[in-house]
Structures are given as C-alpha cells and as structure tokens.
C-alpha atoms as a PDB file:
ATOM      1  CA  MET A   1       0.000   0.000   0.000  1.00  0.00           C
ATOM      2  CA  LYS A   2       2.812   2.435   0.858  1.00  0.00           C
ATOM      3  CA  HIS A   3       4.472   1.628  -2.469  1.00  0.00           C
ATOM      4  CA  ILE A   4       1.228   2.373  -4.388  1.00  0.00           C
ATOM      5  CA  ILE A   5       0.789   5.679  -2.551  1.00  0.00           C
ATOM      6  CA  LYS A   6       4.361   6.710  -3.320  1.00  0.00           C
ATOM      7  CA  ASN A   7       3.925   5.871  -7.024  1.00  0.00           C
ATOM      8  CA  ASN A   8       0.632   7.806  -7.243  1.00  0.00           C
ATOM      9  CA  THR A   9       2.232  10.805  -5.532  1.00  0.00           C
ATOM     10  CA  PHE A  10       5.226  10.628  -7.872  1.00  0.00           C
ATOM     11  CA  ARG A  11       2.972  10.502 -10.928  1.00  0.00           C
ATOM     12  CA  GLY A  12       0.998  13.482  -9.642  1.00  0.00           C
ATOM     13  CA  ILE A  13       4.144  15.566  -9.203  1.00  0.00           C
ATOM     14  CA  ILE A  14       5.454  14.748 -12.678  1.00  0.00           C
ATOM     15  CA  THR A  15       2.059  15.415 -14.292  1.00  0.00           C
ATOM     16  CA  GLY A  16       1.850  18.750 -12.500  1.00  0.00           C
ATOM     17  CA  LEU A  17       5.313  19.805 -13.620  1.00  0.00           C
ATOM     18  CA  LEU A  18       4.579  18.868 -17.222  1.00  0.00           C
ATOM     19  CA  ALA A  19       1.249  20.729 -17.128  1.00  0.00           C
ATOM     20  CA  GLY A  20       3.049  23.797 -15.829  1.00  0.00           C
ATOM     21  CA  PHE A  21       5.584  23.549 -18.629  1.00  0.00           C
ATOM     22  CA  ILE A  22       2.884  23.248 -21.276  1.00  0.00           C
ATOM     23  CA  PHE A  23       0.619  26.058 -20.057  1.00  0.00           C
ATOM     24  CA  ILE A  24       2.990  28.582 -18.447  1.00  0.00           C
ATOM     25  CA  VAL A  25       6.069  28.647 -20.679  1.00  0.00           C
ATOM     26  CA  PRO A  26       4.188  29.303 -23.966  1.00  0.00           C
ATOM     27  CA  ALA A  27       2.847  32.622 -22.594  1.00  0.00           C
ATOM     28  CA  THR A  28       5.955  34.428 -23.938  1.00  0.00           C
ATOM     29  CA  LEU A  29       6.544  32.512 -27.125  1.00  0.00           C
ATOM     30  CA  THR A  30       7.762  33.866 -30.450  1.00  0.00           C
ATOM     31  CA  ALA A  31       9.400  32.433 -33.545  1.00  0.00           C
ATOM     32  CA  GLN A  32       8.672  28.755 -33.167  1.00  0.00           C
ATOM     33  CA  THR A  33      10.192  26.068 -35.361  1.00  0.00           C
ATOM     34  CA  LEU A  34       9.517  22.377 -35.838  1.00  0.00           C
ATOM     35  CA  GLU A  35      12.130  19.649 -36.235  1.00  0.00           C
ATOM     36  CA  VAL A  36      11.491  16.123 -37.486  1.00  0.00           C
ATOM     37  CA  GLY A  37      14.129  13.427 -37.280  1.00  0.00           C
ATOM     38  CA  ILE A  38      15.289   9.861 -36.830  1.00  0.00           C
ATOM     39  CA  SER A  39      17.628   8.302 -34.277  1.00  0.00           C
ATOM     40  CA  ALA A  40      19.750   5.195 -33.711  1.00  0.00           C
ATOM     41  CA  GLY A  41      21.848   3.853 -30.857  1.00  0.00           C
ATOM     42  CA  THR A  42      21.601   1.355 -28.003  1.00  0.00           C
ATOM     43  CA  SER A  43      19.260   0.286 -25.209  1.00  0.00           C
ATOM     44  CA  TYR A  44      19.928  -1.524 -21.931  1.00  0.00           C
ATOM     45  CA  TYR A  45      18.094  -2.611 -18.791  1.00  0.00           C
ATOM     46  CA  LEU A  46      18.527  -2.334 -15.011  1.00  0.00           C
ATOM     47  CA  GLY A  47      16.606  -4.638 -12.679  1.00  0.00           C
ATOM     48  CA  ASP A  48      16.800  -7.865 -10.655  1.00  0.00           C
ATOM     49  CA  ILE A  49      19.315  -9.476 -13.019  1.00  0.00           C
ATOM     50  CA  ASN A  50      21.430  -6.360 -13.523  1.00  0.00           C
ATOM     51  CA  PRO A  51      20.834  -3.879 -10.669  1.00  0.00           C
ATOM     52  CA  ALA A  52      23.438  -1.234 -11.442  1.00  0.00           C
ATOM     53  CA  LEU A  53      25.871  -1.742 -14.336  1.00  0.00           C
ATOM     54  CA  PRO A  54      25.162   0.342 -17.474  1.00  0.00           C
ATOM     55  CA  TYR A  55      25.435  -1.101 -20.985  1.00  0.00           C
ATOM     56  CA  VAL A  56      25.491  -4.743 -19.855  1.00  0.00           C
ATOM     57  CA  TYR A  57      23.923  -6.637 -22.769  1.00  0.00           C
ATOM     58  CA  ALA A  58      23.374  -3.351 -24.655  1.00  0.00           C
ATOM     59  CA  GLN A  59      21.252  -3.897 -27.774  1.00  0.00           C
ATOM     60  CA  PRO A  60      20.583  -1.891 -30.971  1.00  0.00           C
ATOM     61  CA  ALA A  61      17.814   0.714 -30.801  1.00  0.00           C
ATOM     62  CA  TYR A  62      16.246   3.234 -33.169  1.00  0.00           C
ATOM     63  CA  GLY A  63      13.435   5.756 -33.254  1.00  0.00           C
ATOM     64  CA  ALA A  64      11.833   8.935 -34.562  1.00  0.00           C
ATOM     65  CA  LEU A  65      11.036  12.306 -33.037  1.00  0.00           C
ATOM     66  CA  VAL A  66       9.140  15.548 -33.551  1.00  0.00           C
ATOM     67  CA  ARG A  67      10.493  18.572 -31.656  1.00  0.00           C
ATOM     68  CA  TYR A  68       8.594  21.848 -31.272  1.00  0.00           C
ATOM     69  CA  ASN A  69      11.083  24.623 -30.488  1.00  0.00           C
ATOM     70  CA  ILE A  70       9.206  27.131 -28.369  1.00  0.00           C
ATOM     71  CA  ASN A  71      12.132  29.559 -28.138  1.00  0.00           C
ATOM     72  CA  ASN A  72      15.927  29.342 -27.946  1.00  0.00           C
ATOM     73  CA  ARG A  73      15.809  27.698 -24.503  1.00  0.00           C
ATOM     74  CA  TRP A  74      12.679  25.538 -24.355  1.00  0.00           C
ATOM     75  CA  SER A  75      11.416  22.713 -26.551  1.00  0.00           C
ATOM     76  CA  ALA A  76       8.613  20.171 -26.385  1.00  0.00           C
ATOM     77  CA  ARG A  77       9.161  16.780 -28.007  1.00  0.00           C
ATOM     78  CA  PHE A  78       7.261  13.641 -28.857  1.00  0.00           C
ATOM     79  CA  SER A  79       9.445  10.623 -29.534  1.00  0.00           C
ATOM     80  CA  TYR A  80       9.066   6.951 -30.348  1.00  0.00           C
ATOM     81  CA  SER A  81      11.962   4.614 -29.580  1.00  0.00           C
ATOM     82  CA  ARG A  82      12.230   0.870 -30.111  1.00  0.00           C
ATOM     83  CA  GLY A  83      14.954  -1.333 -28.714  1.00  0.00           C
ATOM     84  CA  LYS A  84      15.680  -4.678 -27.134  1.00  0.00           C
ATOM     85  CA  LEU A  85      16.399  -5.414 -23.475  1.00  0.00           C
ATOM     86  CA  LYS A  86      18.282  -8.509 -22.301  1.00  0.00           C
ATOM     87  CA  GLY A  87      19.531  -9.887 -19.015  1.00  0.00           C
ATOM     88  CA  ASP A  88      21.281 -13.101 -17.968  1.00  0.00           C
ATOM     89  CA  ASP A  89      22.248 -14.270 -14.473  1.00  0.00           C
ATOM     90  CA  LEU A  90      25.220 -16.117 -15.942  1.00  0.00           C
ATOM     91  CA  LYS A  91      26.560 -12.860 -17.377  1.00  0.00           C
ATOM     92  CA  SER A  92      25.817 -10.421 -14.537  1.00  0.00           C
ATOM     93  CA  ASN A  93      26.531 -13.008 -11.795  1.00  0.00           C
ATOM     94  CA  VAL A  94      24.555 -11.004  -9.198  1.00  0.00           C
ATOM     95  CA  VAL A  95      22.560 -14.012  -7.915  1.00  0.00           C
ATOM     96  CA  LYS A  96      24.498 -17.256  -8.131  1.00  0.00           C
ATOM     97  CA  ASN A  97      22.723 -20.490  -9.134  1.00  0.00           C
ATOM     98  CA  ARG A  98      19.442 -18.766 -10.072  1.00  0.00           C
ATOM     99  CA  ASN A  99      20.200 -19.131 -13.814  1.00  0.00           C
ATOM    100  CA  LEU A 100      17.388 -16.891 -15.067  1.00  0.00           C
ATOM    101  CA  ASN A 101      17.466 -14.883 -18.285  1.00  0.00           C
ATOM    102  CA  PHE A 102      15.091 -12.817 -20.414  1.00  0.00           C
ATOM    103  CA  GLN A 103      14.828 -10.747 -23.565  1.00  0.00           C
ATOM    104  CA  THR A 104      12.113  -8.397 -24.732  1.00  0.00           C
ATOM    105  CA  ASN A 105      11.439  -5.801 -27.385  1.00  0.00           C
ATOM    106  CA  ILE A 106      10.539  -2.427 -25.887  1.00  0.00           C
ATOM    107  CA  ASN A 107       8.351   0.191 -27.570  1.00  0.00           C
ATOM    108  CA  ASP A 108       8.625   3.589 -25.905  1.00  0.00           C
ATOM    109  CA  PHE A 109       6.351   6.606 -26.492  1.00  0.00           C
ATOM    110  CA  SER A 110       7.435   9.768 -24.659  1.00  0.00           C
ATOM    111  CA  LEU A 111       6.212  13.340 -24.279  1.00  0.00           C
ATOM    112  CA  ILE A 112       9.176  15.404 -23.115  1.00  0.00           C
ATOM    113  CA  GLY A 113      10.164  18.953 -22.213  1.00  0.00           C
ATOM    114  CA  GLU A 114      13.745  20.068 -23.008  1.00  0.00           C
ATOM    115  CA  PHE A 115      15.742  22.932 -21.524  1.00  0.00           C
ATOM    116  CA  ASN A 116      18.866  24.214 -23.322  1.00  0.00           C
ATOM    117  CA  PHE A 117      21.649  25.442 -21.039  1.00  0.00           C
ATOM    118  CA  TRP A 118      22.766  27.934 -23.718  1.00  0.00           C
ATOM    119  CA  GLU A 119      20.801  29.833 -26.332  1.00  0.00           C
ATOM    120  CA  TYR A 120      20.462  27.622 -29.396  1.00  0.00           C
ATOM    121  CA  PHE A 121      18.619  27.301 -32.683  1.00  0.00           C
ATOM    122  CA  THR A 122      19.295  25.199 -35.735  1.00  0.00           C
ATOM    123  CA  GLY A 123      20.839  27.329 -38.473  1.00  0.00           C
ATOM    124  CA  SER A 124      22.586  29.791 -36.166  1.00  0.00           C
ATOM    125  CA  LYS A 125      26.250  30.601 -36.756  1.00  0.00           C
ATOM    126  CA  LYS A 126      26.577  31.902 -33.206  1.00  0.00           C
ATOM    127  CA  ASN A 127      24.302  29.746 -31.026  1.00  0.00           C
ATOM    128  CA  TYR A 128      24.947  26.454 -32.810  1.00  0.00           C
ATOM    129  CA  PHE A 129      25.735  24.145 -29.871  1.00  0.00           C
ATOM    130  CA  THR A 130      24.258  23.474 -26.438  1.00  0.00           C
ATOM    131  CA  PRO A 131      23.945  20.813 -23.754  1.00  0.00           C
ATOM    132  CA  TYR A 132      20.382  20.244 -22.516  1.00  0.00           C
ATOM    133  CA  ILE A 133      18.369  18.333 -19.936  1.00  0.00           C
ATOM    134  CA  PHE A 134      14.940  16.792 -20.356  1.00  0.00           C
ATOM    135  CA  GLY A 135      12.096  15.170 -18.455  1.00  0.00           C
ATOM    136  CA  GLY A 136       8.564  14.046 -19.135  1.00  0.00           C
ATOM    137  CA  ILE A 137       6.083  11.183 -19.145  1.00  0.00           C
ATOM    138  CA  GLY A 138       6.006   8.012 -21.210  1.00  0.00           C
ATOM    139  CA  LEU A 139       4.164   4.822 -22.071  1.00  0.00           C
ATOM    140  CA  PHE A 140       5.870   1.597 -23.104  1.00  0.00           C
ATOM    141  CA  THR A 141       5.055  -1.983 -24.104  1.00  0.00           C
ATOM    142  CA  PHE A 142       7.094  -5.156 -23.554  1.00  0.00           C
ATOM    143  CA  LYS A 143       6.767  -8.958 -23.658  1.00  0.00           C
ATOM    144  CA  PRO A 144       9.539 -10.997 -21.958  1.00  0.00           C
ATOM    145  CA  PHE A 145      10.755 -14.351 -23.259  1.00  0.00           C
ATOM    146  CA  ASN A 146      13.600 -16.486 -21.946  1.00  0.00           C
ATOM    147  CA  PHE A 147      16.508 -17.388 -24.209  1.00  0.00           C
ATOM    148  CA  SER A 148      14.794 -20.712 -25.054  1.00  0.00           C
ATOM    149  CA  GLY A 149      11.802 -18.847 -26.482  1.00  0.00           C
ATOM    150  CA  THR A 150       9.246 -19.393 -23.698  1.00  0.00           C
ATOM    151  CA  ASN A 151       6.681 -16.609 -23.253  1.00  0.00           C
ATOM    152  CA  LEU A 152       7.306 -15.844 -19.564  1.00  0.00           C
ATOM    153  CA  ASN A 153       4.170 -13.793 -19.015  1.00  0.00           C
ATOM    154  CA  ALA A 154       1.950 -16.533 -20.437  1.00  0.00           C
ATOM    155  CA  HIS A 155       3.830 -19.185 -18.417  1.00  0.00           C
ATOM    156  CA  GLY A 156       3.144 -17.423 -15.098  1.00  0.00           C
ATOM    157  CA  THR A 157       6.586 -17.995 -13.559  1.00  0.00           C
ATOM    158  CA  GLU A 158       5.595 -16.667 -10.109  1.00  0.00           C
ATOM    159  CA  GLY A 159       2.181 -18.341  -9.940  1.00  0.00           C
ATOM    160  CA  GLN A 160       0.210 -15.533 -11.577  1.00  0.00           C
ATOM    161  CA  ASN A 161      -1.814 -17.937 -13.744  1.00  0.00           C
ATOM    162  CA  VAL A 162      -2.925 -20.074 -10.781  1.00  0.00           C
ATOM    163  CA  GLY A 163      -3.599 -17.211  -8.369  1.00  0.00           C
ATOM    164  CA  TYR A 164      -0.751 -18.080  -6.013  1.00  0.00           C
ATOM    165  CA  ASN A 165      -0.906 -15.684  -3.024  1.00  0.00           C
ATOM    166  CA  GLY A 166      -3.534 -13.674  -4.899  1.00  0.00           C
ATOM    167  CA  ARG A 167      -1.226 -12.896  -7.826  1.00  0.00           C
ATOM    168  CA  SER A 168      -2.589 -12.208 -11.301  1.00  0.00           C
ATOM    169  CA  PRO A 169      -0.829 -11.830 -14.687  1.00  0.00           C
ATOM    170  CA  TYR A 170       1.031  -8.536 -15.022  1.00  0.00           C
ATOM    171  CA  LYS A 171       0.233  -6.002 -17.748  1.00  0.00           C
ATOM    172  CA  LEU A 172       2.483  -5.882 -20.809  1.00  0.00           C
ATOM    173  CA  TRP A 173       2.366  -2.072 -20.849  1.00  0.00           C
ATOM    174  CA  ASN A 174       3.119   0.529 -18.231  1.00  0.00           C
ATOM    175  CA  PHE A 175       4.051   4.143 -17.585  1.00  0.00           C
ATOM    176  CA  SER A 176       7.527   5.607 -17.298  1.00  0.00           C
ATOM    177  CA  PHE A 177       9.297   8.779 -16.244  1.00  0.00           C
ATOM    178  CA  PRO A 178      11.930   9.625 -18.899  1.00  0.00           C
ATOM    179  CA  PHE A 179      14.773  11.962 -17.972  1.00  0.00           C
ATOM    180  CA  GLY A 180      18.378  12.612 -18.949  1.00  0.00           C
ATOM    181  CA  PHE A 181      20.694  14.936 -20.811  1.00  0.00           C
ATOM    182  CA  GLY A 182      22.074  15.482 -24.278  1.00  0.00           C
ATOM    183  CA  PHE A 183      23.865  17.748 -26.747  1.00  0.00           C
ATOM    184  CA  LYS A 184      22.597  19.548 -29.858  1.00  0.00           C
ATOM    185  CA  TYR A 185      24.770  20.716 -32.740  1.00  0.00           C
ATOM    186  CA  SER A 186      23.614  22.700 -35.780  1.00  0.00           C
ATOM    187  CA  LEU A 187      25.053  21.302 -39.022  1.00  0.00           C
ATOM    188  CA  SER A 188      23.428  23.753 -41.414  1.00  0.00           C
ATOM    189  CA  ASP A 189      20.478  26.083 -41.782  1.00  0.00           C
ATOM    190  CA  ARG A 190      18.102  23.093 -41.596  1.00  0.00           C
ATOM    191  CA  LEU A 191      19.992  20.073 -40.256  1.00  0.00           C
ATOM    192  CA  ALA A 192      21.091  19.322 -36.685  1.00  0.00           C
ATOM    193  CA  LEU A 193      22.717  16.454 -34.798  1.00  0.00           C
ATOM    194  CA  GLY A 194      21.771  15.345 -31.303  1.00  0.00           C
ATOM    195  CA  LEU A 195      23.307  12.897 -28.837  1.00  0.00           C
ATOM    196  CA  GLU A 196      21.191  11.854 -25.861  1.00  0.00           C
ATOM    197  CA  TRP A 197      21.458   9.619 -22.776  1.00  0.00           C
ATOM    198  CA  GLY A 198      18.019   8.958 -21.343  1.00  0.00           C
ATOM    199  CA  MET A 199      16.825   6.796 -18.457  1.00  0.00           C
ATOM    200  CA  ARG A 200      13.277   5.513 -18.034  1.00  0.00           C
ATOM    201  CA  LYS A 201      12.131   4.988 -14.461  1.00  0.00           C
ATOM    202  CA  THR A 202       9.205   2.567 -14.754  1.00  0.00           C
ATOM    203  CA  PHE A 203       6.350   1.535 -12.490  1.00  0.00           C
ATOM    204  CA  THR A 204       6.627  -2.212 -13.047  1.00  0.00           C
ATOM    205  CA  ASP A 205       9.018  -4.851 -11.714  1.00  0.00           C
ATOM    206  CA  TYR A 206       8.232  -7.367 -14.438  1.00  0.00           C
ATOM    207  CA  ILE A 207      10.172  -6.227 -17.519  1.00  0.00           C
ATOM    208  CA  ASP A 208      12.565  -9.075 -16.639  1.00  0.00           C
ATOM    209  CA  ASP A 209       9.702 -11.298 -15.336  1.00  0.00           C
ATOM    210  CA  ILE A 210      11.324 -11.398 -11.873  1.00  0.00           C
ATOM    211  CA  SER A 211       9.809  -9.761  -8.809  1.00  0.00           C
ATOM    212  CA  THR A 212       8.602 -11.821  -5.830  1.00  0.00           C
ATOM    213  CA  THR A 213       8.927 -15.482  -4.806  1.00  0.00           C
ATOM    214  CA  TYR A 214       8.889 -18.950  -6.308  1.00  0.00           C
ATOM    215  CA  TYR A 215       5.458 -20.578  -6.248  1.00  0.00           C
ATOM    216  CA  THR A 216       6.470 -24.181  -6.905  1.00  0.00           C
ATOM    217  CA  SER A 217       9.563 -26.377  -7.097  1.00  0.00           C
ATOM    218  CA  GLY A 218      10.866 -28.241 -10.103  1.00  0.00           C
ATOM    219  CA  ASP A 219       9.493 -25.929 -12.816  1.00  0.00           C
ATOM    220  CA  PRO A 220      12.233 -25.746 -15.481  1.00  0.00           C
ATOM    221  CA  VAL A 221      11.208 -22.230 -16.596  1.00  0.00           C
ATOM    222  CA  SER A 222      10.891 -20.416 -13.258  1.00  0.00           C
ATOM    223  CA  ASP A 223      13.650 -22.471 -11.569  1.00  0.00           C
ATOM    224  CA  PRO A 224      15.978 -23.962 -14.235  1.00  0.00           C
ATOM    225  CA  LYS A 225      18.298 -25.685 -11.757  1.00  0.00           C
ATOM    226  CA  GLY A 226      15.539 -26.929  -9.419  1.00  0.00           C
ATOM    227  CA  LEU A 227      17.207 -25.500  -6.311  1.00  0.00           C
ATOM    228  CA  TYR A 228      14.358 -23.474  -4.816  1.00  0.00           C
ATOM    229  CA  ASP A 229      11.108 -24.275  -2.997  1.00  0.00           C
ATOM    230  CA  ALA A 230       7.787 -22.457  -3.075  1.00  0.00           C
ATOM    231  CA  GLY A 231       7.890 -19.250  -1.067  1.00  0.00           C
ATOM    232  CA  MET A 232      11.645 -18.704  -1.434  1.00  0.00           C
ATOM    233  CA  GLN A 233      12.837 -15.321  -2.714  1.00  0.00           C
ATOM    234  CA  ARG A 234      13.131 -14.981  -6.479  1.00  0.00           C
ATOM    235  CA  GLY A 235      13.439 -11.185  -6.866  1.00  0.00           C
ATOM    236  CA  ASN A 236      13.124  -7.868  -5.032  1.00  0.00           C
ATOM    237  CA  GLU A 237       9.567  -6.548  -5.389  1.00  0.00           C
ATOM    238  CA  ASN A 238      10.492  -3.259  -3.674  1.00  0.00           C
ATOM    239  CA  THR A 239      12.546  -2.008  -6.639  1.00  0.00           C
ATOM    240  CA  MET A 240      11.088  -1.240 -10.050  1.00  0.00           C
ATOM    241  CA  ASP A 241      12.855  -1.929 -13.368  1.00  0.00           C
ATOM    242  CA  TRP A 242      14.612   0.760 -15.421  1.00  0.00           C
ATOM    243  CA  TYR A 243      15.783   0.979 -19.023  1.00  0.00           C
ATOM    244  CA  ASN A 244      17.928   3.332 -21.058  1.00  0.00           C
ATOM    245  CA  PHE A 245      18.142   4.685 -24.595  1.00  0.00           C
ATOM    246  CA  THR A 246      21.412   6.236 -25.774  1.00  0.00           C
ATOM    247  CA  LEU A 247      20.664   7.693 -29.204  1.00  0.00           C
ATOM    248  CA  LEU A 248      22.281   9.750 -31.934  1.00  0.00           C
ATOM    249  CA  SER A 249      19.709  11.718 -33.929  1.00  0.00           C
ATOM    250  CA  ILE A 250      19.562  13.875 -37.029  1.00  0.00           C
ATOM    251  CA  THR A 251      16.721  16.359 -37.509  1.00  0.00           C
ATOM    252  CA  TYR A 252      15.398  18.618 -40.254  1.00  0.00           C
ATOM    253  CA  LYS A 253      13.967  22.039 -39.330  1.00  0.00           C
ATOM    254  CA  PHE A 254      10.742  23.602 -40.607  1.00  0.00           C
ATOM    255  CA  ASN A 255      10.076  27.287 -39.966  1.00  0.00           C
ATOM    256  CA  LEU A 256       6.624  28.010 -38.586  1.00  0.00           C
ATOM    257  CA  TYR A 257       4.624  31.214 -38.751  1.00  0.00           C
ATOM    258  CA  GLY A 258       6.571  34.219 -37.468  1.00  0.00           C
ATOM    259  CA  SER A 259       9.986  32.569 -37.555  1.00  0.00           C
ATOM    260  CA  LYS A 260      11.521  34.445 -40.510  1.00  0.00           C
ATOM    261  CA  LYS A 261      10.642  37.938 -39.361  1.00  0.00           C
ATOM    262  CA  CYS A 262      12.283  37.261 -35.997  1.00  0.00           C
ATOM    263  CA  ARG A 263      15.634  36.110 -37.344  1.00  0.00           C
ATOM    264  CA  ASP A 264      17.196  39.549 -36.880  1.00  0.00           C
ATOM    265  CA  ASN A 265      16.437  39.369 -33.154  1.00  0.00           C
ATOM    266  CA  VAL A 266      17.421  36.468 -30.881  1.00  0.00           C
ATOM    267  CA  TRP A 267      16.381  34.038 -33.618  1.00  0.00           C
END
C-alpha cells in the first residue's frame, strides 16, 4: 500500500510539472520552429538481473522524433523509440545459481520537455551548440521471453496464472518517467545532430519477469536448476525496473509562422 501511494504521488508531481511547462512557458513565445528526425543507438536494462551496471547486454535501438522549439531555450518533443532489453544471471553473476534470463522488445512513447543550457537554434552561426536536460512522461510496451523462447508472461513464472498468493498476470504495458541529458549541434540552416542519454524509471518490476517469490519447485522455466522451494525469494519486489536509450539523432527544421521575421532578433 505504501508503495502504491508513493507511485501515485510521484505521478501526480510529474504530471503537475509537465502541465506547468505546457501552459505557463508558452505565454511568452515567439518564432517557433519544428524539427522532425530519426535516431539510432543502443538500449539496456537495469533490474533484478542487472541492478546497477550500465550497458550490460546493450542492444541496438532506433526511433523517430518531432520537436517543437518554443524559443531558444525551451522545446517540447514527442518521440518513439524501439529497442531490445536482455539480461542473464550467468553474465551479470549477481545471484548465483538462479540461472534466469530474459529478452524483450521495448516500444517507448514519450512526451518530453527540453531545456537548453545555452541559447540555441538550428541554423545559427553563433548559437549552434548546447547541452540540454529533459524530463517528461512516457508509455511503453514489452513482452519478456527467456533465451529458449518461452513466453514468460503466459507461463506465469511466479504463480500468476494459478492465483498463487492472490497474484494475477502482469500487464504488458506501463508508464515511465523519462529523464536525462544530451547535446545539440547545428550542421546547417536546416539540419542538426543530437546525442542523448536517457533513463526511463518505470512503475513495473516485471520487464525481466522477476519480482517476488517462487510458487512451486521443479518448474524448469521459473527455476531452471531446481534449487528453490515455493515461497523462497526470487526477486526484489520493492525495486522497479529501469531501461535506457542512448541515441544519436539527425533532424530537419521547418520554420513556422513568425519565424523568418524574428531572425534579426534572438532568432
């Protein structure tokens, strides 16, 4: 119950901040531009199999984005990113003799606000580079399989399909809180490069299909080595899973109404 309250409070704070960004910042807007682009890079996961080490089992990722440049400091962005997440006890060696592994495709949809540390706009010969930070809200989908190809959600590895201890199958979608930092560099009047490191704090502990306890003994999927009995610890349900996208992007700029006549000022 405490965990649910904390998550609801956290979501409320993030939603409030985003609403403030959307409705307060645009009050002083001029000279907006729109950028459309594609991205490619890597994705990785943090959770019960790999609690802390970045880029363990990093996988290829790609995506697309639409960025609305409100002014030379603030931007709003919608992005779609797709990658693969993998984890293996034999590789991370965090829990000996558990021998669990998983892999899943991840589809990430994010609505993000960006803040440039320095004045920047694509096409400038003066303000052509800036670091930035970002934060927002997201929705993602996943479906974990083990390396042998078993659908772990459908299998019910912690007794979800038989109602063990009141458990039910977990959803294959959830919300996230994306945040991170990056760098923008103007290549020409229309083209720009971006490099971004972005974490996703999620509200599920089942991206890797590991969270609570074993519900039976001798099941080759939930307990490959047959070393654990029902009720023994299988994962840490008090920590949610995370994932990361590290992406290089290229965007093309479109001038919107009012942009050209403002170019002699800050734009």
